[in-house]
């Protein structure tokens, strides 16, 4: 019997983004590079370069370096011309843009070369200034737009009046091989507890894995910590801070005023998130503004942890309230404290039940493989259309 060709055999796909840092857009680019290569396609990635460059090259991509972070109209037009040259020279079949400034260059290049164009809408962009609506609209100019959650899909439909037929909702995914509690040994957990200066005797650990910015809800969590019945619980804020440290100092001042500074740990960036989730008794995502998706929510659930999240944005799509985790009103320290106390009072068997259901939900709906396969299917759909 003759083997069927791989889904993307002979197909070249160019992904375009500003840079290759370590954020969600960049990780998504790496994961789709892996999917393209595995499906028999050829992957190109255009960006300014960055920390993930080596990983993306190892995943099989050819890298193209251009100043794609620039919002300068003249630079965008130069980038469009350079991308058009790349598209023709490399025989690109699909251009996939992931951010606004590079999307404008990619859109112009795809239009000039009559190449299929699509986008992934990763965030809900601000439209506070008059020109922003037109600037953001480039993310809906493709033949198809991938939205990373139903929340994002509904937002762009409201703003741009585009039909359902042009949107494909593909949730982001957790790597179930990396985020697997069975592979995290005790030494990794102990090393992390020591680095975080947690006491040797058991204490409940409440983890907020996020950048230290106001909208991620760290202040609300500190206020909730001060209201907890459980006076032994520690809060760990794991994430880098942008800027000179003013926000972290304000958090310490708040914790001092509420008499919980001795149970607060600001640990900076964590390079072993699977161990961090295992060390935590409960993970929180109390964002003040709606998260477009919330990758840490599914990663923590993949690790079998109960997550308490603000009930807006993508969180209601990834947490089944009372079954895999809990949803609380945004910007509401009393409700967050009540939910934390409830979870911390659960028996080990009850927590294990929540954790098992949470991991099963991620495996069924929010795995990296599910996201990769759905994106390859969109590429196939686009290839099946008239150019």
Foldseek 3Di string as FASTA:
>chain_A
DDDDQQLQAPAEEEEEDAEQEPDPLNVLLQLLLLLQVVSNHAYEYEYQYYDCVVSSVVSHYDYHHANQVDQPPVSLCVLLVVVLVVCVVVVHQEYEYEDQSVLSSVVSSCVVNVHAYAYEDQFDDDPPDPCVLVSVCSNQPGQAYEAQAVLRVVNCCVSPVDDPVRYDYFHAFAALVQQELVPDDPVVLVVVCVLQVHDPDDFAEEEEEDELDVQQPLLLQLLLLLVAPRVRYAYEYAEAYPDDCPSVVVSLVSNVVSVNNVRYTDRYHDPRVSSVLVNHQEYERQGQDARQACHVQLSSLLNLHAYEYAPDHNVVVLDDDPQQYHYDHHPDSVRVNVRVNVSVPDDPVVSNRSSVRSSVSSVVGHHSVSSNVVVSVVVSVSVPDDD
